[in-house]
Amino acid sequence: MPGASSAFDARPQPGQAGPAATDEIHIHIGRIEVTAVQEAATPRARERAATAPMSLQDYLDRRNRGGT
């Protein structure tokens, strides 16, 4: 198309001198790698010792007394 310019026109042609300092760009298509940085683990509070499960009778007795 006459009068239209494209990005290809801006490239130096073979045999022409390019800019003195060129930036180097690497393009890789297909995979992106991401590495996560983990923060130092904070110490957890100690879990309290597990208590034996309450029997149904103990539960009903406690509920009827109104205690916790």
PDB file of N, CA and C in Angstrom:
ATOM      1  N   MET A   1       0.855  -1.165   0.000  1.00  0.00           N
ATOM      2  CA  MET A   1       0.000   0.000   0.000  1.00  0.00           C
ATOM      3  C   MET A   1       0.904   1.232   0.000  1.00  0.00           C
ATOM      4  N   PRO A   2       0.831   2.075  -0.973  1.00  0.00           N
ATOM      5  CA  PRO A   2       1.721   3.234  -1.050  1.00  0.00           C
ATOM      6  C   PRO A   2       1.441   4.228   0.071  1.00  0.00           C
ATOM      7  N   GLY A   3       2.515   4.808   0.603  1.00  0.00           N
ATOM      8  CA  GLY A   3       2.371   5.825   1.633  1.00  0.00           C
ATOM      9  C   GLY A   3       2.218   5.261   3.028  1.00  0.00           C
ATOM     10  N   ALA A   4       1.946   3.966   3.160  1.00  0.00           N
ATOM     11  CA  ALA A   4       1.788   3.358   4.482  1.00  0.00           C
ATOM     12  C   ALA A   4       3.152   2.878   4.953  1.00  0.00           C
ATOM     13  N   SER A   5       3.427   3.077   6.219  1.00  0.00           N
ATOM     14  CA  SER A   5       4.690   2.585   6.772  1.00  0.00           C
ATOM     15  C   SER A   5       4.378   1.498   7.786  1.00  0.00           C
ATOM     16  N   SER A   6       5.307   0.637   7.963  1.00  0.00           N
ATOM     17  CA  SER A   6       5.122  -0.439   8.934  1.00  0.00           C
ATOM     18  C   SER A   6       6.366  -0.555   9.792  1.00  0.00           C
ATOM     19  N   ALA A   7       6.284  -1.430  10.778  1.00  0.00           N
ATOM     20  CA  ALA A   7       7.427  -1.654  11.659  1.00  0.00           C
ATOM     21  C   ALA A   7       8.580  -2.273  10.887  1.00  0.00           C
ATOM     22  N   PHE A   8       8.272  -2.975   9.808  1.00  0.00           N
ATOM     23  CA  PHE A   8       9.328  -3.602   9.026  1.00  0.00           C
ATOM     24  C   PHE A   8      10.172  -2.566   8.297  1.00  0.00           C
ATOM     25  N   ASP A   9       9.584  -1.435   7.952  1.00  0.00           N
ATOM     26  CA  ASP A   9      10.323  -0.386   7.256  1.00  0.00           C
ATOM     27  C   ASP A   9      11.377   0.249   8.158  1.00  0.00           C
ATOM     28  N   ALA A  10      11.180   0.211   9.470  1.00  0.00           N
ATOM     29  CA  ALA A  10      12.098   0.847  10.406  1.00  0.00           C
ATOM     30  C   ALA A  10      13.344  -0.001  10.637  1.00  0.00           C
ATOM     31  N   ARG A  11      13.304  -1.274  10.265  1.00  0.00           N
ATOM     32  CA  ARG A  11      14.474  -2.135  10.469  1.00  0.00           C
ATOM     33  C   ARG A  11      15.567  -1.765   9.484  1.00  0.00           C
ATOM     34  N   PRO A  12      16.810  -1.807   9.929  1.00  0.00           N
ATOM     35  CA  PRO A  12      17.892  -1.557   8.972  1.00  0.00           C
ATOM     36  C   PRO A  12      17.966  -2.711   7.971  1.00  0.00           C
ATOM     37  N   GLN A  13      18.145  -2.399   6.734  1.00  0.00           N
ATOM     38  CA  GLN A  13      18.251  -3.403   5.685  1.00  0.00           C
ATOM     39  C   GLN A  13      19.668  -3.970   5.691  1.00  0.00           C
ATOM     40  N   PRO A  14      19.831  -5.189   5.186  1.00  0.00           N
ATOM     41  CA  PRO A  14      21.186  -5.749   5.123  1.00  0.00           C
ATOM     42  C   PRO A  14      22.102  -4.811   4.354  1.00  0.00           C
ATOM     43  N   GLY A  15      23.272  -4.610   4.899  1.00  0.00           N
ATOM     44  CA  GLY A  15      24.225  -3.707   4.265  1.00  0.00           C
ATOM     45  C   GLY A  15      24.144  -2.296   4.814  1.00  0.00           C
ATOM     46  N   GLN A  16      23.051  -1.953   5.517  1.00  0.00           N
ATOM     47  CA  GLN A  16      22.942  -0.626   6.128  1.00  0.00           C
ATOM     48  C   GLN A  16      23.490  -0.708   7.545  1.00  0.00           C
ATOM     49  N   ALA A  17      24.030   0.381   8.010  1.00  0.00           N
ATOM     50  CA  ALA A  17      24.544   0.437   9.373  1.00  0.00           C
ATOM     51  C   ALA A  17      23.384   0.645  10.327  1.00  0.00           C
ATOM     52  N   GLY A  18      23.313  -0.176  11.369  1.00  0.00           N
ATOM     53  CA  GLY A  18      22.267  -0.039  12.375  1.00  0.00           C
ATOM     54  C   GLY A  18      22.716   0.927  13.451  1.00  0.00           C
ATOM     55  N   PRO A  19      21.886   1.147  14.455  1.00  0.00           N
ATOM     56  CA  PRO A  19      22.277   2.021  15.566  1.00  0.00           C
ATOM     57  C   PRO A  19      23.520   1.474  16.263  1.00  0.00           C
ATOM     58  N   ALA A  20      24.297   2.358  16.845  1.00  0.00           N
ATOM     59  CA  ALA A  20      25.549   1.964  17.485  1.00  0.00           C
ATOM     60  C   ALA A  20      25.303   1.031  18.669  1.00  0.00           C
ATOM     61  N   ALA A  21      24.338   1.337  19.511  1.00  0.00           N
ATOM     62  CA  ALA A  21      24.039   0.502  20.678  1.00  0.00           C
ATOM     63  C   ALA A  21      22.647  -0.081  20.493  1.00  0.00           C
ATOM     64  N   THR A  22      22.556  -1.393  20.398  1.00  0.00           N
ATOM     65  CA  THR A  22      21.251  -2.029  20.227  1.00  0.00           C
ATOM     66  C   THR A  22      20.889  -2.769  21.500  1.00  0.00           C
ATOM     67  N   ASP A  23      19.621  -2.740  21.833  1.00  0.00           N
ATOM     68  CA  ASP A  23      19.132  -3.504  22.972  1.00  0.00           C
ATOM     69  C   ASP A  23      18.913  -4.932  22.525  1.00  0.00           C
ATOM     70  N   GLU A  24      19.201  -5.860  23.404  1.00  0.00           N
ATOM     71  CA  GLU A  24      19.035  -7.265  23.074  1.00  0.00           C
ATOM     72  C   GLU A  24      17.750  -7.760  23.709  1.00  0.00           C
ATOM     73  N   ILE A  25      16.869  -8.305  22.918  1.00  0.00           N
ATOM     74  CA  ILE A  25      15.579  -8.788  23.394  1.00  0.00           C
ATOM     75  C   ILE A  25      15.468 -10.260  23.052  1.00  0.00           C
ATOM     76  N   HIS A  26      15.124 -11.074  24.050  1.00  0.00           N
ATOM     77  CA  HIS A  26      14.917 -12.506  23.844  1.00  0.00           C
ATOM     78  C   HIS A  26      13.448 -12.808  24.060  1.00  0.00           C
ATOM     79  N   ILE A  27      12.833 -13.454  23.099  1.00  0.00           N
ATOM     80  CA  ILE A  27      11.427 -13.825  23.204  1.00  0.00           C
ATOM     81  C   ILE A  27      11.340 -15.335  23.145  1.00  0.00           C
ATOM     82  N   HIS A  28      10.722 -15.920  24.154  1.00  0.00           N
ATOM     83  CA  HIS A  28      10.519 -17.363  24.215  1.00  0.00           C
ATOM     84  C   HIS A  28       9.025 -17.606  24.293  1.00  0.00           C
ATOM     85  N   ILE A  29       8.514 -18.378  23.379  1.00  0.00           N
ATOM     86  CA  ILE A  29       7.085 -18.647  23.341  1.00  0.00           C
ATOM     87  C   ILE A  29       6.853 -20.075  23.799  1.00  0.00           C
ATOM     88  N   GLY A  30       5.879 -20.263  24.672  1.00  0.00           N
ATOM     89  CA  GLY A  30       5.507 -21.618  25.058  1.00  0.00           C
ATOM     90  C   GLY A  30       5.410 -21.827  26.548  1.00  0.00           C
ATOM     91  N   ARG A  31       6.312 -21.268  27.336  1.00  0.00           N
ATOM     92  CA  ARG A  31       6.284 -21.568  28.761  1.00  0.00           C
ATOM     93  C   ARG A  31       6.722 -20.349  29.554  1.00  0.00           C
ATOM     94  N   ILE A  32       6.023 -20.121  30.652  1.00  0.00           N
ATOM     95  CA  ILE A  32       6.379 -19.048  31.576  1.00  0.00           C
ATOM     96  C   ILE A  32       6.709 -19.699  32.904  1.00  0.00           C
ATOM     97  N   GLU A  33       7.858 -19.392  33.447  1.00  0.00           N
ATOM     98  CA  GLU A  33       8.248 -19.944  34.739  1.00  0.00           C
ATOM     99  C   GLU A  33       8.134 -18.865  35.804  1.00  0.00           C
ATOM    100  N   VAL A  34       7.476 -19.219  36.899  1.00  0.00           N
ATOM    101  CA  VAL A  34       7.300 -18.302  38.020  1.00  0.00           C
ATOM    102  C   VAL A  34       7.832 -18.994  39.260  1.00  0.00           C
ATOM    103  N   THR A  35       8.678 -18.315  39.991  1.00  0.00           N
ATOM    104  CA  THR A  35       9.218 -18.868  41.224  1.00  0.00           C
ATOM    105  C   THR A  35       8.685 -18.047  42.386  1.00  0.00           C
ATOM    106  N   ALA A  36       8.023 -18.723  43.314  1.00  0.00           N
ATOM    107  CA  ALA A  36       7.459 -18.040  44.478  1.00  0.00           C
ATOM    108  C   ALA A  36       8.504 -17.985  45.586  1.00  0.00           C
ATOM    109  N   VAL A  37       8.525 -16.890  46.295  1.00  0.00           N
ATOM    110  CA  VAL A  37       9.411 -16.732  47.441  1.00  0.00           C
ATOM    111  C   VAL A  37       8.559 -16.869  48.684  1.00  0.00           C
ATOM    112  N   GLN A  38       8.905 -17.846  49.524  1.00  0.00           N
ATOM    113  CA  GLN A  38       8.124 -18.076  50.732  1.00  0.00           C
ATOM    114  C   GLN A  38       8.702 -17.271  51.884  1.00  0.00           C
ATOM    115  N   GLU A  39       7.796 -16.734  52.688  1.00  0.00           N
ATOM    116  CA  GLU A  39       8.223 -16.015  53.879  1.00  0.00           C
ATOM    117  C   GLU A  39       8.618 -17.028  54.944  1.00  0.00           C
ATOM    118  N   ALA A  40       9.393 -16.584  55.894  1.00  0.00           N
ATOM    119  CA  ALA A  40       9.784 -17.467  56.983  1.00  0.00           C
ATOM    120  C   ALA A  40       8.539 -17.896  57.750  1.00  0.00           C
ATOM    121  N   ALA A  41       8.481 -19.159  58.082  1.00  0.00           N
ATOM    122  CA  ALA A  41       7.311 -19.687  58.785  1.00  0.00           C
ATOM    123  C   ALA A  41       7.271 -19.133  60.206  1.00  0.00           C
ATOM    124  N   THR A  42       6.093 -18.677  60.611  1.00  0.00           N
ATOM    125  CA  THR A  42       5.936 -18.191  61.973  1.00  0.00           C
ATOM    126  C   THR A  42       5.638 -19.381  62.872  1.00  0.00           C
ATOM    127  N   PRO A  43       6.186 -19.385  64.070  1.00  0.00           N
ATOM    128  CA  PRO A  43       5.925 -20.524  64.959  1.00  0.00           C
ATOM    129  C   PRO A  43       4.451 -20.581  65.335  1.00  0.00           C
ATOM    130  N   ARG A  44       3.888 -21.759  65.248  1.00  0.00           N
ATOM    131  CA  ARG A  44       2.479 -21.935  65.593  1.00  0.00           C
ATOM    132  C   ARG A  44       2.330 -22.103  67.100  1.00  0.00           C
ATOM    133  N   ALA A  45       1.180 -21.687  67.573  1.00  0.00           N
ATOM    134  CA  ALA A  45       0.872 -21.906  68.986  1.00  0.00           C
ATOM    135  C   ALA A  45       0.693 -23.409  69.199  1.00  0.00           C
ATOM    136  N   ARG A  46       1.139 -23.884  70.318  1.00  0.00           N
ATOM    137  CA  ARG A  46       1.014 -25.310  70.594  1.00  0.00           C
ATOM    138  C   ARG A  46      -0.451 -25.674  70.711  1.00  0.00           C
ATOM    139  N   GLU A  47      -0.792 -26.760  70.068  1.00  0.00           N
ATOM    140  CA  GLU A  47      -2.165 -27.230  70.161  1.00  0.00           C
ATOM    141  C   GLU A  47      -2.349 -27.881  71.524  1.00  0.00           C
ATOM    142  N   ARG A  48      -3.527 -27.662  72.081  1.00  0.00           N
ATOM    143  CA  ARG A  48      -3.765 -28.263  73.386  1.00  0.00           C
ATOM    144  C   ARG A  48      -3.991 -29.757  73.210  1.00  0.00           C
ATOM    145  N   ALA A  49      -3.713 -30.478  74.258  1.00  0.00           N
ATOM    146  CA  ALA A  49      -3.835 -31.927  74.204  1.00  0.00           C
ATOM    147  C   ALA A  49      -5.283 -32.307  73.917  1.00  0.00           C
ATOM    148  N   ALA A  50      -5.441 -33.285  73.079  1.00  0.00           N
ATOM    149  CA  ALA A  50      -6.788 -33.735  72.731  1.00  0.00           C
ATOM    150  C   ALA A  50      -7.408 -34.419  73.944  1.00  0.00           C
ATOM    151  N   THR A  51      -8.652 -34.092  74.203  1.00  0.00           N
ATOM    152  CA  THR A  51      -9.358 -34.718  75.317  1.00  0.00           C
ATOM    153  C   THR A  51     -10.193 -35.865  74.779  1.00  0.00           C
ATOM    154  N   ALA A  52     -10.473 -36.790  75.640  1.00  0.00           N
ATOM    155  CA  ALA A  52     -11.283 -37.938  75.237  1.00  0.00           C
ATOM    156  C   ALA A  52     -12.687 -37.450  74.885  1.00  0.00           C
ATOM    157  N   PRO A  53     -13.312 -38.052  73.899  1.00  0.00           N
ATOM    158  CA  PRO A  53     -14.667 -37.630  73.545  1.00  0.00           C
ATOM    159  C   PRO A  53     -15.627 -37.846  74.711  1.00  0.00           C
ATOM    160  N   MET A  54     -16.566 -36.931  74.826  1.00  0.00           N
ATOM    161  CA  MET A  54     -17.537 -36.987  75.917  1.00  0.00           C
ATOM    162  C   MET A  54     -18.624 -38.010  75.568  1.00  0.00           C
ATOM    163  N   SER A  55     -19.001 -38.802  76.535  1.00  0.00           N
ATOM    164  CA  SER A  55     -20.079 -39.766  76.294  1.00  0.00           C
ATOM    165  C   SER A  55     -21.413 -39.023  76.250  1.00  0.00           C
ATOM    166  N   LEU A  56     -22.397 -39.665  75.676  1.00  0.00           N
ATOM    167  CA  LEU A  56     -23.720 -39.049  75.583  1.00  0.00           C
ATOM    168  C   LEU A  56     -24.266 -38.767  76.973  1.00  0.00           C
ATOM    169  N   GLN A  57     -24.070 -39.682  77.895  1.00  0.00           N
ATOM    170  CA  GLN A  57     -24.588 -39.493  79.250  1.00  0.00           C
ATOM    171  C   GLN A  57     -23.907 -38.303  79.933  1.00  0.00           C
ATOM    172  N   ASP A  58     -22.587 -38.171  79.770  1.00  0.00           N
ATOM    173  CA  ASP A  58     -21.882 -37.025  80.348  1.00  0.00           C
ATOM    174  C   ASP A  58     -22.399 -35.716  79.743  1.00  0.00           C
ATOM    175  N   TYR A  59     -22.638 -35.711  78.439  1.00  0.00           N
ATOM    176  CA  TYR A  59     -23.154 -34.513  77.773  1.00  0.00           C
ATOM    177  C   TYR A  59     -24.527 -34.135  78.325  1.00  0.00           C
ATOM    178  N   LEU A  60     -25.403 -35.117  78.429  1.00  0.00           N
ATOM    179  CA  LEU A  60     -26.753 -34.833  78.926  1.00  0.00           C
ATOM    180  C   LEU A  60     -26.717 -34.358  80.370  1.00  0.00           C
ATOM    181  N   ASP A  61     -25.867 -34.983  81.200  1.00  0.00           N
ATOM    182  CA  ASP A  61     -25.737 -34.544  82.597  1.00  0.00           C
ATOM    183  C   ASP A  61     -25.256 -33.095  82.658  1.00  0.00           C
ATOM    184  N   ARG A  62     -24.250 -32.755  81.869  1.00  0.00           N
ATOM    185  CA  ARG A  62     -23.710 -31.398  81.881  1.00  0.00           C
ATOM    186  C   ARG A  62     -24.755 -30.403  81.376  1.00  0.00           C
ATOM    187  N   ARG A  63     -25.492 -30.761  80.346  1.00  0.00           N
ATOM    188  CA  ARG A  63     -26.510 -29.877  79.793  1.00  0.00           C
ATOM    189  C   ARG A  63     -27.618 -29.630  80.812  1.00  0.00           C
ATOM    190  N   ASN A  64     -28.036 -30.663  81.521  1.00  0.00           N
ATOM    191  CA  ASN A  64     -29.109 -30.518  82.507  1.00  0.00           C
ATOM    192  C   ASN A  64     -28.663 -29.696  83.705  1.00  0.00           C
ATOM    193  N   ARG A  65     -27.394 -29.751  84.059  1.00  0.00           N
ATOM    194  CA  ARG A  65     -26.882 -28.948  85.168  1.00  0.00           C
ATOM    195  C   ARG A  65     -26.701 -27.498  84.759  1.00  0.00           C
ATOM    196  N   GLY A  66     -26.592 -27.232  83.448  1.00  0.00           N
ATOM    197  CA  GLY A  66     -26.371 -25.856  82.991  1.00  0.00           C
ATOM    198  C   GLY A  66     -24.908 -25.472  83.021  1.00  0.00           C
ATOM    199  N   GLY A  67     -24.040 -26.417  83.192  1.00  0.00           N
ATOM    200  CA  GLY A  67     -22.603 -26.123  83.237  1.00  0.00           C
ATOM    201  C   GLY A  67     -21.980 -26.144  81.863  1.00  0.00           C
ATOM    202  N   THR A  68     -20.745 -25.679  81.841  1.00  0.00           N
ATOM    203  CA  THR A  68     -20.020 -25.688  80.565  1.00  0.00           C
ATOM    204  C   THR A  68     -18.920 -26.688  80.581  1.00  0.00           C
TER     205      THR A  68
END
